[in-house]
Amino acid sequence: MWALFMHASIVVKLVMIGLVTSSVIVWAIIFDKFTTIRRVNRQANDFEERFWAGGSLEDLYESDGAKPVHPMAAVFGAAMGEWRRSSRISGIDLVHGGVQDRVNRAMAITITREMDRLNRWIIFLATIGPVAPFIGLFGTVWGIMHAFGSIAAMHNTNLSVVAPGISEALFATAIGLVTAIPAVIAYNVVSNSMSVFEDRLDAFGTEFAAILSRQSEERGA
């Protein structure tokens, strides 16, 4: 492989270097995203276990929601913080005073912000996946043109003259495919996992909103 790279033309070398660099970035993103998905799901499991244990919401807010370190705690903290601030307003009607709408908006904004943070760099996978094969193909075409130019200059069509240049050119396409295939697979898997996690946050937000609504009605009774 090193010999193929060293004998390639400067343009094909640049293409190969760019593709290899992109491949390294792709694998770094894959490792980061898979690690992140496992971590946030584990944190969400632990948080939901404490949330549904029947303890005080105020205590849970002080321990997890006030300074959240993971997305589900951030959603809980946003809703709980808005509800607490509203409940301190003198004379407010917690049931009909628009509190529930503000809580829902706070959770929706937080979910969007957290998912944007989790989805960072995924667009790179979506870009490299379809583009890398064409970049490799460009290197191949350029390499073949360079090979035929060498043939014309040497006035020799022997296979031993043609084969090295063609091999170097095709190597660029191979690198493009090796870069693109993991990117496409990872993008699909990560996007699906992120969508599932977003649905989980939405479901938690809906359930928590119902709990706060019920508590508001109990206070107003």
N, C-alpha and C. Protein backbone atom coordinates (compact mmCIF):
# COMPACT_ATOMS: atom_id res chain seq x y z
N MET A 1 0.83 -1.22 0.00
CA MET A 1 0.00 0.00 0.00
C MET A 1 0.86 1.26 0.00
N TRP A 2 1.96 1.20 0.81
CA TRP A 2 2.83 2.36 0.85
C TRP A 2 3.49 2.61 -0.50
N ALA A 3 3.86 1.51 -1.18
CA ALA A 3 4.48 1.65 -2.51
C ALA A 3 3.50 2.25 -3.51
N LEU A 4 2.22 1.82 -3.44
CA LEU A 4 1.20 2.38 -4.33
C LEU A 4 1.04 3.87 -4.08
N PHE A 5 1.07 4.25 -2.81
CA PHE A 5 0.93 5.67 -2.47
C PHE A 5 2.14 6.47 -2.96
N MET A 6 3.33 5.94 -2.74
CA MET A 6 4.55 6.69 -3.08
C MET A 6 4.70 6.87 -4.59
N HIS A 7 4.22 5.91 -5.38
CA HIS A 7 4.38 6.00 -6.83
C HIS A 7 3.23 6.76 -7.51
N ALA A 8 2.22 7.13 -6.74
CA ALA A 8 1.09 7.86 -7.33
C ALA A 8 1.48 9.30 -7.63
N SER A 9 0.71 9.93 -8.52
CA SER A 9 0.96 11.34 -8.84
C SER A 9 0.55 12.21 -7.65
N ILE A 10 0.98 13.47 -7.67
CA ILE A 10 0.74 14.37 -6.53
C ILE A 10 -0.75 14.57 -6.28
N VAL A 11 -1.54 14.66 -7.36
CA VAL A 11 -2.99 14.85 -7.19
C VAL A 11 -3.61 13.64 -6.52
N VAL A 12 -3.23 12.44 -6.97
CA VAL A 12 -3.78 11.22 -6.37
C VAL A 12 -3.32 11.09 -4.92
N LYS A 13 -2.08 11.48 -4.64
CA LYS A 13 -1.60 11.46 -3.25
C LYS A 13 -2.45 12.37 -2.36
N LEU A 14 -2.75 13.57 -2.86
CA LEU A 14 -3.58 14.50 -2.08
C LEU A 14 -4.97 13.91 -1.84
N VAL A 15 -5.52 13.25 -2.86
CA VAL A 15 -6.82 12.60 -2.70
C VAL A 15 -6.75 11.51 -1.63
N MET A 16 -5.71 10.70 -1.69
CA MET A 16 -5.55 9.63 -0.71
C MET A 16 -5.38 10.17 0.70
N ILE A 17 -4.56 11.20 0.84
CA ILE A 17 -4.35 11.80 2.17
C ILE A 17 -5.65 12.36 2.72
N GLY A 18 -6.40 13.05 1.85
CA GLY A 18 -7.69 13.59 2.29
C GLY A 18 -8.66 12.51 2.72
N LEU A 19 -8.70 11.41 1.98
CA LEU A 19 -9.61 10.31 2.32
C LEU A 19 -9.19 9.61 3.60
N VAL A 20 -7.90 9.39 3.76
CA VAL A 20 -7.42 8.75 4.99
C VAL A 20 -7.70 9.64 6.20
N THR A 21 -7.48 10.94 6.05
CA THR A 21 -7.78 11.87 7.14
C THR A 21 -9.26 11.84 7.48
N SER A 22 -10.10 11.83 6.45
CA SER A 22 -11.55 11.75 6.66
C SER A 22 -11.94 10.45 7.36
N SER A 23 -11.27 9.36 6.98
CA SER A 23 -11.55 8.07 7.60
C SER A 23 -11.23 8.09 9.09
N VAL A 24 -10.10 8.71 9.44
CA VAL A 24 -9.73 8.82 10.86
C VAL A 24 -10.78 9.62 11.62
N ILE A 25 -11.23 10.72 11.03
CA ILE A 25 -12.26 11.54 11.67
C ILE A 25 -13.56 10.77 11.81
N VAL A 26 -13.93 10.01 10.76
CA VAL A 26 -15.15 9.21 10.80
C VAL A 26 -15.11 8.22 11.95
N TRP A 27 -13.99 7.50 12.11
CA TRP A 27 -13.90 6.53 13.19
C TRP A 27 -13.88 7.20 14.56
N ALA A 28 -13.29 8.38 14.64
CA ALA A 28 -13.32 9.12 15.91
C ALA A 28 -14.75 9.50 16.28
N ILE A 29 -15.52 9.96 15.29
CA ILE A 29 -16.92 10.33 15.53
C ILE A 29 -17.73 9.09 15.91
N ILE A 30 -17.48 7.98 15.20
CA ILE A 30 -18.21 6.74 15.51
C ILE A 30 -17.96 6.33 16.95
N PHE A 31 -16.71 6.32 17.38
CA PHE A 31 -16.37 5.95 18.75
C PHE A 31 -17.03 6.90 19.75
N ASP A 32 -16.96 8.19 19.46
CA ASP A 32 -17.54 9.18 20.37
C ASP A 32 -19.05 9.02 20.48
N LYS A 33 -19.72 8.84 19.35
CA LYS A 33 -21.19 8.76 19.37
C LYS A 33 -21.70 7.49 20.03
N PHE A 34 -21.04 6.36 19.75
CA PHE A 34 -21.46 5.12 20.38
C PHE A 34 -21.22 5.17 21.89
N THR A 35 -20.11 5.77 22.29
CA THR A 35 -19.85 5.95 23.73
C THR A 35 -20.88 6.87 24.35
N THR A 36 -21.20 7.96 23.66
CA THR A 36 -22.18 8.92 24.18
C THR A 36 -23.56 8.30 24.31
N ILE A 37 -23.98 7.53 23.30
CA ILE A 37 -25.30 6.90 23.34
C ILE A 37 -25.42 5.95 24.52
N ARG A 38 -24.39 5.14 24.74
CA ARG A 38 -24.41 4.22 25.89
C ARG A 38 -24.45 5.00 27.20
N ARG A 39 -23.68 6.09 27.28
CA ARG A 39 -23.61 6.85 28.52
C ARG A 39 -24.94 7.52 28.84
N VAL A 40 -25.55 8.21 27.87
CA VAL A 40 -26.78 8.94 28.17
C VAL A 40 -27.93 7.99 28.46
N ASN A 41 -27.95 6.82 27.83
CA ASN A 41 -28.99 5.84 28.14
C ASN A 41 -28.81 5.27 29.55
N ARG A 42 -27.57 5.02 29.92
CA ARG A 42 -27.30 4.54 31.28
C ARG A 42 -27.68 5.60 32.31
N GLN A 43 -27.33 6.85 32.05
CA GLN A 43 -27.68 7.93 32.97
C GLN A 43 -29.20 8.11 33.05
N ALA A 44 -29.86 7.98 31.91
CA ALA A 44 -31.32 8.09 31.90
C ALA A 44 -31.97 6.96 32.70
N ASN A 45 -31.43 5.76 32.59
CA ASN A 45 -31.96 4.64 33.36
C ASN A 45 -31.83 4.89 34.86
N ASP A 46 -30.65 5.36 35.27
CA ASP A 46 -30.44 5.65 36.69
C ASP A 46 -31.36 6.76 37.18
N PHE A 47 -31.51 7.79 36.35
CA PHE A 47 -32.36 8.91 36.76
C PHE A 47 -33.82 8.49 36.86
N GLU A 48 -34.31 7.76 35.87
CA GLU A 48 -35.70 7.33 35.90
C GLU A 48 -35.97 6.41 37.09
N GLU A 49 -34.99 5.61 37.45
CA GLU A 49 -35.15 4.74 38.62
C GLU A 49 -35.35 5.56 39.88
N ARG A 50 -34.58 6.64 40.03
CA ARG A 50 -34.75 7.52 41.19
C ARG A 50 -36.04 8.32 41.08
N PHE A 51 -36.38 8.74 39.87
CA PHE A 51 -37.58 9.55 39.67
C PHE A 51 -38.84 8.78 40.05
N TRP A 52 -38.92 7.53 39.61
CA TRP A 52 -40.13 6.74 39.87
C TRP A 52 -40.07 6.00 41.20
N ALA A 53 -39.03 6.26 41.99
CA ALA A 53 -38.93 5.61 43.31
C ALA A 53 -39.89 6.21 44.32
N GLY A 54 -40.49 7.33 43.97
CA GLY A 54 -41.49 7.95 44.86
C GLY A 54 -40.91 8.95 45.83
N GLY A 55 -39.67 9.37 45.62
CA GLY A 55 -39.06 10.35 46.50
C GLY A 55 -39.56 11.76 46.21
N SER A 56 -39.04 12.71 46.95
CA SER A 56 -39.44 14.10 46.79
C SER A 56 -38.88 14.68 45.48
N LEU A 57 -39.76 15.34 44.71
CA LEU A 57 -39.31 16.00 43.48
C LEU A 57 -38.38 17.15 43.79
N GLU A 58 -38.61 17.81 44.92
CA GLU A 58 -37.75 18.92 45.32
C GLU A 58 -36.33 18.43 45.59
N ASP A 59 -36.23 17.31 46.30
CA ASP A 59 -34.91 16.76 46.59
C ASP A 59 -34.22 16.31 45.30
N LEU A 60 -34.98 15.71 44.38
CA LEU A 60 -34.41 15.27 43.12
C LEU A 60 -33.95 16.46 42.29
N TYR A 61 -34.71 17.56 42.38
CA TYR A 61 -34.32 18.76 41.65
C TYR A 61 -33.01 19.31 42.20
N GLU A 62 -32.87 19.33 43.51
CA GLU A 62 -31.65 19.86 44.12
C GLU A 62 -30.44 19.00 43.80
N SER A 63 -30.64 17.67 43.70
CA SER A 63 -29.50 16.77 43.46
C SER A 63 -29.16 16.61 41.99
N ASP A 64 -30.19 16.65 41.12
CA ASP A 64 -29.94 16.38 39.70
C ASP A 64 -30.37 17.51 38.77
N GLY A 65 -31.52 18.12 39.06
CA GLY A 65 -32.10 19.06 38.12
C GLY A 65 -31.49 20.45 38.13
N ALA A 66 -31.00 20.90 39.29
CA ALA A 66 -30.48 22.27 39.37
C ALA A 66 -29.23 22.43 38.51
N LYS A 67 -28.36 21.42 38.52
CA LYS A 67 -27.15 21.45 37.70
C LYS A 67 -27.06 20.12 36.94
N PRO A 68 -27.86 19.97 35.90
CA PRO A 68 -27.93 18.68 35.20
C PRO A 68 -26.65 18.35 34.46
N VAL A 69 -26.34 17.06 34.45
CA VAL A 69 -25.13 16.60 33.77
C VAL A 69 -25.47 15.64 32.63
N HIS A 70 -26.75 15.41 32.39
CA HIS A 70 -27.17 14.57 31.27
C HIS A 70 -28.54 15.05 30.78
N PRO A 71 -28.94 14.67 29.56
CA PRO A 71 -30.14 15.24 28.93
C PRO A 71 -31.43 15.07 29.72
N MET A 72 -31.69 13.89 30.28
CA MET A 72 -32.96 13.70 30.97
C MET A 72 -33.05 14.55 32.22
N ALA A 73 -31.95 14.68 32.93
CA ALA A 73 -31.93 15.55 34.10
C ALA A 73 -32.14 17.01 33.68
N ALA A 74 -31.62 17.38 32.50
CA ALA A 74 -31.80 18.74 32.00
C ALA A 74 -33.27 19.02 31.70
N VAL A 75 -33.96 18.03 31.10
CA VAL A 75 -35.40 18.19 30.82
C VAL A 75 -36.17 18.31 32.12
N PHE A 76 -35.87 17.47 33.08
CA PHE A 76 -36.52 17.53 34.39
C PHE A 76 -36.24 18.87 35.05
N GLY A 77 -34.98 19.30 35.01
CA GLY A 77 -34.62 20.56 35.66
C GLY A 77 -35.31 21.76 35.03
N ALA A 78 -35.44 21.76 33.70
CA ALA A 78 -36.11 22.88 33.03
C ALA A 78 -37.57 22.96 33.42
N ALA A 79 -38.25 21.81 33.43
CA ALA A 79 -39.67 21.79 33.79
C ALA A 79 -39.87 22.14 35.26
N MET A 80 -39.09 21.52 36.09
CA MET A 80 -39.24 21.74 37.53
C MET A 80 -38.88 23.18 37.90
N GLY A 81 -37.84 23.71 37.26
CA GLY A 81 -37.45 25.08 37.56
C GLY A 81 -38.53 26.08 37.16
N GLU A 82 -39.14 25.88 35.98
CA GLU A 82 -40.21 26.77 35.54
C GLU A 82 -41.42 26.65 36.45
N TRP A 83 -41.75 25.43 36.86
CA TRP A 83 -42.91 25.22 37.74
C TRP A 83 -42.68 25.85 39.11
N ARG A 84 -41.46 25.74 39.62
CA ARG A 84 -41.15 26.34 40.94
C ARG A 84 -41.22 27.86 40.88
N ARG A 85 -40.67 28.43 39.81
CA ARG A 85 -40.72 29.89 39.68
C ARG A 85 -42.16 30.38 39.56
N SER A 86 -42.97 29.66 38.82
CA SER A 86 -44.36 30.06 38.65
C SER A 86 -45.15 29.93 39.94
N SER A 87 -44.87 28.88 40.69
CA SER A 87 -45.63 28.64 41.92
C SER A 87 -45.32 29.68 42.99
N ARG A 88 -44.19 30.40 42.84
CA ARG A 88 -43.83 31.42 43.82
C ARG A 88 -44.48 32.77 43.52
N ILE A 89 -45.10 32.90 42.36
CA ILE A 89 -45.76 34.15 42.00
C ILE A 89 -47.04 34.29 42.83
N SER A 90 -47.15 35.38 43.49
CA SER A 90 -48.29 35.57 44.39
C SER A 90 -49.60 35.64 43.61
N GLY A 91 -50.58 34.86 44.04
CA GLY A 91 -51.91 34.88 43.46
C GLY A 91 -52.06 34.19 42.13
N ILE A 92 -51.03 33.49 41.64
CA ILE A 92 -51.13 32.85 40.33
C ILE A 92 -52.01 31.60 40.39
N ASP A 93 -52.74 31.38 39.36
CA ASP A 93 -53.56 30.18 39.22
C ASP A 93 -52.72 29.14 38.48
N LEU A 94 -52.23 28.13 39.22
CA LEU A 94 -51.34 27.15 38.63
C LEU A 94 -52.03 26.30 37.57
N VAL A 95 -53.38 26.24 37.64
CA VAL A 95 -54.12 25.41 36.70
C VAL A 95 -54.42 26.18 35.42
N HIS A 96 -54.86 27.43 35.55
CA HIS A 96 -55.30 28.19 34.39
C HIS A 96 -54.41 29.40 34.09
N GLY A 97 -53.28 29.50 34.76
CA GLY A 97 -52.43 30.69 34.59
C GLY A 97 -51.38 30.56 33.52
N GLY A 98 -51.49 29.59 32.67
CA GLY A 98 -50.50 29.40 31.60
C GLY A 98 -49.23 28.72 32.06
N VAL A 99 -49.24 28.21 33.29
CA VAL A 99 -48.04 27.56 33.82
C VAL A 99 -47.69 26.31 33.01
N GLN A 100 -48.72 25.53 32.71
CA GLN A 100 -48.47 24.28 31.99
C GLN A 100 -47.86 24.53 30.62
N ASP A 101 -48.31 25.56 29.94
CA ASP A 101 -47.75 25.89 28.62
C ASP A 101 -46.28 26.28 28.73
N ARG A 102 -45.95 27.05 29.75
CA ARG A 102 -44.56 27.46 29.94
C ARG A 102 -43.67 26.26 30.27
N VAL A 103 -44.20 25.37 31.08
CA VAL A 103 -43.45 24.15 31.43
C VAL A 103 -43.20 23.31 30.17
N ASN A 104 -44.23 23.15 29.36
CA ASN A 104 -44.09 22.36 28.13
C ASN A 104 -43.09 23.01 27.17
N ARG A 105 -43.14 24.33 27.06
CA ARG A 105 -42.20 25.03 26.18
C ARG A 105 -40.76 24.88 26.70
N ALA A 106 -40.61 24.98 28.01
CA ALA A 106 -39.27 24.84 28.61
C ALA A 106 -38.70 23.46 28.32
N MET A 107 -39.53 22.43 28.43
CA MET A 107 -39.06 21.07 28.15
C MET A 107 -38.76 20.89 26.66
N ALA A 108 -39.62 21.43 25.81
CA ALA A 108 -39.40 21.28 24.35
C ALA A 108 -38.10 21.95 23.92
N ILE A 109 -37.85 23.15 24.45
CA ILE A 109 -36.62 23.86 24.11
C ILE A 109 -35.40 23.10 24.61
N THR A 110 -35.51 22.56 25.82
CA THR A 110 -34.39 21.82 26.39
C THR A 110 -34.11 20.55 25.61
N ILE A 111 -35.15 19.83 25.21
CA ILE A 111 -34.97 18.62 24.41
C ILE A 111 -34.28 18.95 23.09
N THR A 112 -34.74 20.02 22.44
CA THR A 112 -34.12 20.44 21.17
C THR A 112 -32.65 20.78 21.37
N ARG A 113 -32.35 21.52 22.41
CA ARG A 113 -30.96 21.92 22.68
C ARG A 113 -30.09 20.71 22.98
N GLU A 114 -30.60 19.79 23.79
CA GLU A 114 -29.81 18.61 24.15
C GLU A 114 -29.58 17.71 22.94
N MET A 115 -30.60 17.55 22.10
CA MET A 115 -30.44 16.70 20.92
C MET A 115 -29.50 17.35 19.91
N ASP A 116 -29.54 18.67 19.80
CA ASP A 116 -28.58 19.34 18.92
C ASP A 116 -27.15 19.08 19.38
N ARG A 117 -26.96 19.10 20.68
CA ARG A 117 -25.62 18.84 21.23
C ARG A 117 -25.21 17.39 20.97
N LEU A 118 -26.13 16.45 21.16
CA LEU A 118 -25.81 15.04 20.94
C LEU A 118 -25.57 14.73 19.46
N ASN A 119 -26.27 15.44 18.59
CA ASN A 119 -26.16 15.18 17.15
C ASN A 119 -25.00 15.91 16.49
N ARG A 120 -24.22 16.62 17.27
CA ARG A 120 -23.09 17.37 16.70
C ARG A 120 -22.12 16.41 15.99
N TRP A 121 -21.65 16.79 14.84
CA TRP A 121 -20.71 16.05 14.00
C TRP A 121 -21.34 14.90 13.22
N ILE A 122 -22.62 14.59 13.48
CA ILE A 122 -23.25 13.53 12.69
C ILE A 122 -23.35 13.94 11.22
N ILE A 123 -23.49 15.25 10.97
CA ILE A 123 -23.59 15.73 9.60
C ILE A 123 -22.32 15.38 8.81
N PHE A 124 -21.19 15.26 9.52
CA PHE A 124 -19.95 14.88 8.84
C PHE A 124 -20.07 13.47 8.28
N LEU A 125 -20.67 12.55 9.06
CA LEU A 125 -20.89 11.18 8.58
C LEU A 125 -21.81 11.19 7.36
N ALA A 126 -22.87 12.01 7.45
CA ALA A 126 -23.83 12.08 6.35
C ALA A 126 -23.20 12.65 5.09
N THR A 127 -22.19 13.49 5.25
CA THR A 127 -21.52 14.10 4.09
C THR A 127 -20.47 13.17 3.49
N ILE A 128 -19.64 12.59 4.35
CA ILE A 128 -18.55 11.75 3.87
C ILE A 128 -19.08 10.48 3.21
N GLY A 129 -20.16 9.91 3.76
CA GLY A 129 -20.70 8.67 3.22
C GLY A 129 -20.92 8.70 1.71
N PRO A 130 -21.71 9.64 1.20
CA PRO A 130 -21.95 9.66 -0.25
C PRO A 130 -20.84 10.32 -1.07
N VAL A 131 -20.02 11.17 -0.43
CA VAL A 131 -19.04 11.95 -1.19
C VAL A 131 -17.72 11.21 -1.37
N ALA A 132 -17.29 10.44 -0.36
CA ALA A 132 -15.97 9.81 -0.40
C ALA A 132 -15.75 8.93 -1.63
N PRO A 133 -16.73 8.10 -2.06
CA PRO A 133 -16.48 7.29 -3.26
C PRO A 133 -16.20 8.12 -4.50
N PHE A 134 -16.87 9.27 -4.61
CA PHE A 134 -16.66 10.13 -5.78
C PHE A 134 -15.29 10.82 -5.72
N ILE A 135 -14.86 11.16 -4.51
CA ILE A 135 -13.50 11.73 -4.38
C ILE A 135 -12.47 10.68 -4.78
N GLY A 136 -12.68 9.44 -4.29
CA GLY A 136 -11.78 8.36 -4.69
C GLY A 136 -11.81 8.12 -6.18
N LEU A 137 -13.01 8.21 -6.76
CA LEU A 137 -13.14 8.01 -8.21
C LEU A 137 -12.41 9.11 -8.98
N PHE A 138 -12.47 10.33 -8.45
CA PHE A 138 -11.72 11.42 -9.08
C PHE A 138 -10.23 11.10 -9.09
N GLY A 139 -9.72 10.60 -7.96
CA GLY A 139 -8.32 10.21 -7.90
C GLY A 139 -8.00 9.10 -8.88
N THR A 140 -8.94 8.17 -9.04
CA THR A 140 -8.74 7.07 -9.99
C THR A 140 -8.68 7.59 -11.42
N VAL A 141 -9.62 8.44 -11.77
CA VAL A 141 -9.65 8.98 -13.13
C VAL A 141 -8.37 9.77 -13.42
N TRP A 142 -7.98 10.59 -12.45
CA TRP A 142 -6.75 11.37 -12.65
C TRP A 142 -5.54 10.46 -12.79
N GLY A 143 -5.50 9.41 -11.96
CA GLY A 143 -4.38 8.48 -12.02
C GLY A 143 -4.32 7.74 -13.34
N ILE A 144 -5.48 7.34 -13.86
CA ILE A 144 -5.51 6.65 -15.14
C ILE A 144 -5.07 7.59 -16.27
N MET A 145 -5.52 8.85 -16.20
CA MET A 145 -5.07 9.82 -17.20
C MET A 145 -3.54 9.97 -17.14
N HIS A 146 -3.02 10.02 -15.92
CA HIS A 146 -1.56 10.14 -15.77
C HIS A 146 -0.86 8.90 -16.31
N ALA A 147 -1.46 7.71 -16.09
CA ALA A 147 -0.87 6.47 -16.57
C ALA A 147 -0.84 6.44 -18.09
N PHE A 148 -1.94 6.83 -18.72
CA PHE A 148 -1.97 6.84 -20.18
C PHE A 148 -1.02 7.88 -20.75
N GLY A 149 -0.84 8.98 -20.02
CA GLY A 149 0.14 9.97 -20.45
C GLY A 149 1.55 9.39 -20.44
N SER A 150 1.85 8.57 -19.41
CA SER A 150 3.16 7.92 -19.34
C SER A 150 3.34 6.92 -20.47
N ILE A 151 2.24 6.20 -20.80
CA ILE A 151 2.29 5.24 -21.90
C ILE A 151 2.62 5.95 -23.21
N ALA A 152 1.94 7.08 -23.43
CA ALA A 152 2.17 7.84 -24.67
C ALA A 152 3.60 8.35 -24.74
N ALA A 153 4.11 8.77 -23.57
CA ALA A 153 5.47 9.31 -23.56
C ALA A 153 6.51 8.24 -23.83
N MET A 154 6.23 7.01 -23.32
CA MET A 154 7.20 5.91 -23.47
C MET A 154 6.98 5.12 -24.76
N HIS A 155 5.85 5.36 -25.44
CA HIS A 155 5.51 4.64 -26.66
C HIS A 155 5.55 3.12 -26.44
N ASN A 156 5.00 2.73 -25.28
CA ASN A 156 5.02 1.31 -24.90
C ASN A 156 3.70 0.96 -24.23
N THR A 157 2.99 0.00 -24.81
CA THR A 157 1.69 -0.41 -24.26
C THR A 157 1.79 -1.74 -23.51
N ASN A 158 2.99 -2.14 -23.16
CA ASN A 158 3.17 -3.38 -22.42
C ASN A 158 2.45 -3.30 -21.08
N LEU A 159 1.91 -4.44 -20.64
CA LEU A 159 1.15 -4.49 -19.39
C LEU A 159 1.99 -4.06 -18.19
N SER A 160 3.27 -4.34 -18.23
CA SER A 160 4.15 -3.96 -17.12
C SER A 160 4.27 -2.45 -17.00
N VAL A 161 4.00 -1.75 -18.10
CA VAL A 161 4.02 -0.29 -18.06
C VAL A 161 2.69 0.27 -17.59
N VAL A 162 1.60 -0.37 -18.01
CA VAL A 162 0.26 0.12 -17.70
C VAL A 162 -0.17 -0.22 -16.28
N ALA A 163 0.13 -1.44 -15.84
CA ALA A 163 -0.41 -1.95 -14.58
C ALA A 163 -0.09 -1.10 -13.36
N PRO A 164 1.16 -0.66 -13.13
CA PRO A 164 1.44 0.12 -11.92
C PRO A 164 0.60 1.38 -11.80
N GLY A 165 0.48 2.12 -12.89
CA GLY A 165 -0.31 3.36 -12.85
C GLY A 165 -1.79 3.09 -12.60
N ILE A 166 -2.32 2.03 -13.22
CA ILE A 166 -3.73 1.68 -13.01
C ILE A 166 -3.95 1.25 -11.56
N SER A 167 -3.03 0.46 -11.02
CA SER A 167 -3.16 -0.01 -9.63
C SER A 167 -3.17 1.16 -8.66
N GLU A 168 -2.28 2.11 -8.87
CA GLU A 168 -2.22 3.28 -8.00
C GLU A 168 -3.52 4.08 -8.08
N ALA A 169 -4.06 4.16 -9.29
CA ALA A 169 -5.31 4.92 -9.46
C ALA A 169 -6.48 4.22 -8.78
N LEU A 170 -6.58 2.91 -8.95
CA LEU A 170 -7.68 2.16 -8.34
C LEU A 170 -7.58 2.15 -6.82
N PHE A 171 -6.37 2.28 -6.30
CA PHE A 171 -6.17 2.32 -4.84
C PHE A 171 -6.92 3.50 -4.23
N ALA A 172 -7.02 4.60 -4.95
CA ALA A 172 -7.75 5.77 -4.46
C ALA A 172 -9.24 5.46 -4.30
N THR A 173 -9.80 4.72 -5.27
CA THR A 173 -11.20 4.33 -5.16
C THR A 173 -11.41 3.40 -3.97
N ALA A 174 -10.48 2.48 -3.75
CA ALA A 174 -10.58 1.56 -2.62
C ALA A 174 -10.59 2.32 -1.30
N ILE A 175 -9.72 3.31 -1.17
CA ILE A 175 -9.70 4.12 0.06
C ILE A 175 -11.01 4.87 0.22
N GLY A 176 -11.56 5.38 -0.90
CA GLY A 176 -12.84 6.08 -0.83
C GLY A 176 -13.95 5.18 -0.32
N LEU A 177 -13.98 3.94 -0.77
CA LEU A 177 -15.01 2.99 -0.32
C LEU A 177 -14.81 2.62 1.15
N VAL A 178 -13.55 2.41 1.54
CA VAL A 178 -13.26 2.07 2.94
C VAL A 178 -13.66 3.22 3.87
N THR A 179 -13.57 4.43 3.37
CA THR A 179 -13.99 5.60 4.17
C THR A 179 -15.50 5.74 4.20
N ALA A 180 -16.15 5.50 3.06
CA ALA A 180 -17.58 5.76 2.93
C ALA A 180 -18.45 4.73 3.63
N ILE A 181 -18.10 3.45 3.51
CA ILE A 181 -18.97 2.39 4.03
C ILE A 181 -19.20 2.51 5.54
N PRO A 182 -18.14 2.65 6.37
CA PRO A 182 -18.39 2.83 7.81
C PRO A 182 -19.19 4.10 8.11
N ALA A 183 -18.94 5.16 7.33
CA ALA A 183 -19.65 6.42 7.58
C ALA A 183 -21.15 6.26 7.35
N VAL A 184 -21.52 5.57 6.25
CA VAL A 184 -22.94 5.38 5.95
C VAL A 184 -23.61 4.50 6.99
N ILE A 185 -22.96 3.38 7.33
CA ILE A 185 -23.54 2.47 8.33
C ILE A 185 -23.68 3.16 9.68
N ALA A 186 -22.61 3.86 10.10
CA ALA A 186 -22.64 4.54 11.39
C ALA A 186 -23.70 5.63 11.42
N TYR A 187 -23.83 6.37 10.32
CA TYR A 187 -24.84 7.43 10.28
C TYR A 187 -26.24 6.87 10.50
N ASN A 188 -26.55 5.77 9.82
CA ASN A 188 -27.88 5.18 9.97
C ASN A 188 -28.12 4.67 11.39
N VAL A 189 -27.11 3.99 11.95
CA VAL A 189 -27.26 3.44 13.29
C VAL A 189 -27.36 4.54 14.33
N VAL A 190 -26.46 5.52 14.24
CA VAL A 190 -26.45 6.62 15.22
C VAL A 190 -27.72 7.45 15.11
N SER A 191 -28.14 7.76 13.89
CA SER A 191 -29.36 8.56 13.70
C SER A 191 -30.57 7.85 14.30
N ASN A 192 -30.66 6.55 14.08
CA ASN A 192 -31.78 5.79 14.65
C ASN A 192 -31.71 5.78 16.18
N SER A 193 -30.52 5.61 16.74
CA SER A 193 -30.38 5.61 18.20
C SER A 193 -30.72 6.97 18.79
N MET A 194 -30.31 8.03 18.12
CA MET A 194 -30.62 9.37 18.59
C MET A 194 -32.13 9.64 18.52
N SER A 195 -32.77 9.15 17.46
CA SER A 195 -34.22 9.32 17.33
C SER A 195 -34.95 8.59 18.44
N VAL A 196 -34.49 7.38 18.76
CA VAL A 196 -35.11 6.61 19.85
C VAL A 196 -34.92 7.34 21.18
N PHE A 197 -33.73 7.89 21.40
CA PHE A 197 -33.48 8.60 22.65
C PHE A 197 -34.30 9.87 22.74
N GLU A 198 -34.47 10.57 21.62
CA GLU A 198 -35.31 11.77 21.62
C GLU A 198 -36.76 11.41 21.95
N ASP A 199 -37.25 10.29 21.40
CA ASP A 199 -38.59 9.84 21.75
C ASP A 199 -38.70 9.53 23.24
N ARG A 200 -37.62 9.00 23.79
CA ARG A 200 -37.61 8.70 25.23
C ARG A 200 -37.70 9.99 26.05
N LEU A 201 -36.98 11.01 25.65
CA LEU A 201 -37.07 12.30 26.35
C LEU A 201 -38.47 12.90 26.22
N ASP A 202 -39.05 12.80 25.01
CA ASP A 202 -40.41 13.32 24.81
C ASP A 202 -41.41 12.59 25.70
N ALA A 203 -41.27 11.27 25.80
CA ALA A 203 -42.19 10.49 26.62
C ALA A 203 -42.04 10.85 28.10
N PHE A 204 -40.78 11.02 28.54
CA PHE A 204 -40.57 11.42 29.93
C PHE A 204 -41.16 12.81 30.19
N GLY A 205 -40.96 13.73 29.23
CA GLY A 205 -41.51 15.07 29.40
C GLY A 205 -43.02 15.06 29.48
N THR A 206 -43.67 14.24 28.67
CA THR A 206 -45.13 14.15 28.71
C THR A 206 -45.60 13.61 30.06
N GLU A 207 -44.93 12.57 30.55
CA GLU A 207 -45.32 11.99 31.85
C GLU A 207 -45.08 12.97 32.98
N PHE A 208 -43.94 13.68 32.93
CA PHE A 208 -43.65 14.62 34.00
C PHE A 208 -44.61 15.81 33.95
N ALA A 209 -44.97 16.24 32.75
CA ALA A 209 -45.94 17.34 32.63
C ALA A 209 -47.28 16.94 33.25
N ALA A 210 -47.68 15.68 33.08
CA ALA A 210 -48.93 15.21 33.68
C ALA A 210 -48.84 15.22 35.20
N ILE A 211 -47.66 14.86 35.73
CA ILE A 211 -47.48 14.88 37.19
C ILE A 211 -47.57 16.30 37.73
N LEU A 212 -46.91 17.24 37.06
CA LEU A 212 -46.95 18.63 37.50
C LEU A 212 -48.36 19.20 37.38
N SER A 213 -49.07 18.81 36.32
CA SER A 213 -50.45 19.27 36.16
C SER A 213 -51.32 18.78 37.30
N ARG A 214 -51.13 17.52 37.68
CA ARG A 214 -51.91 16.95 38.78
C ARG A 214 -51.59 17.66 40.11
N GLN A 215 -50.29 17.93 40.33
CA GLN A 215 -49.91 18.64 41.55
C GLN A 215 -50.47 20.06 41.56
N SER A 216 -50.52 20.69 40.39
CA SER A 216 -51.08 22.04 40.32
C SER A 216 -52.55 22.03 40.69
N GLU A 217 -53.27 21.03 40.21
CA GLU A 217 -54.69 20.92 40.54
C GLU A 217 -54.89 20.64 42.03
N GLU A 218 -54.00 19.85 42.61
CA GLU A 218 -54.12 19.55 44.03
C GLU A 218 -53.85 20.82 44.87
N ARG A 219 -52.90 21.64 44.42
CA ARG A 219 -52.65 22.89 45.15
C ARG A 219 -53.79 23.87 45.00
N GLY A 220 -54.42 23.85 43.81
CA GLY A 220 -55.50 24.78 43.57
C GLY A 220 -56.80 24.36 44.20
N ALA A 221 -56.87 23.08 44.63
CA ALA A 221 -58.12 22.58 45.21
C ALA A 221 -58.39 23.17 46.59
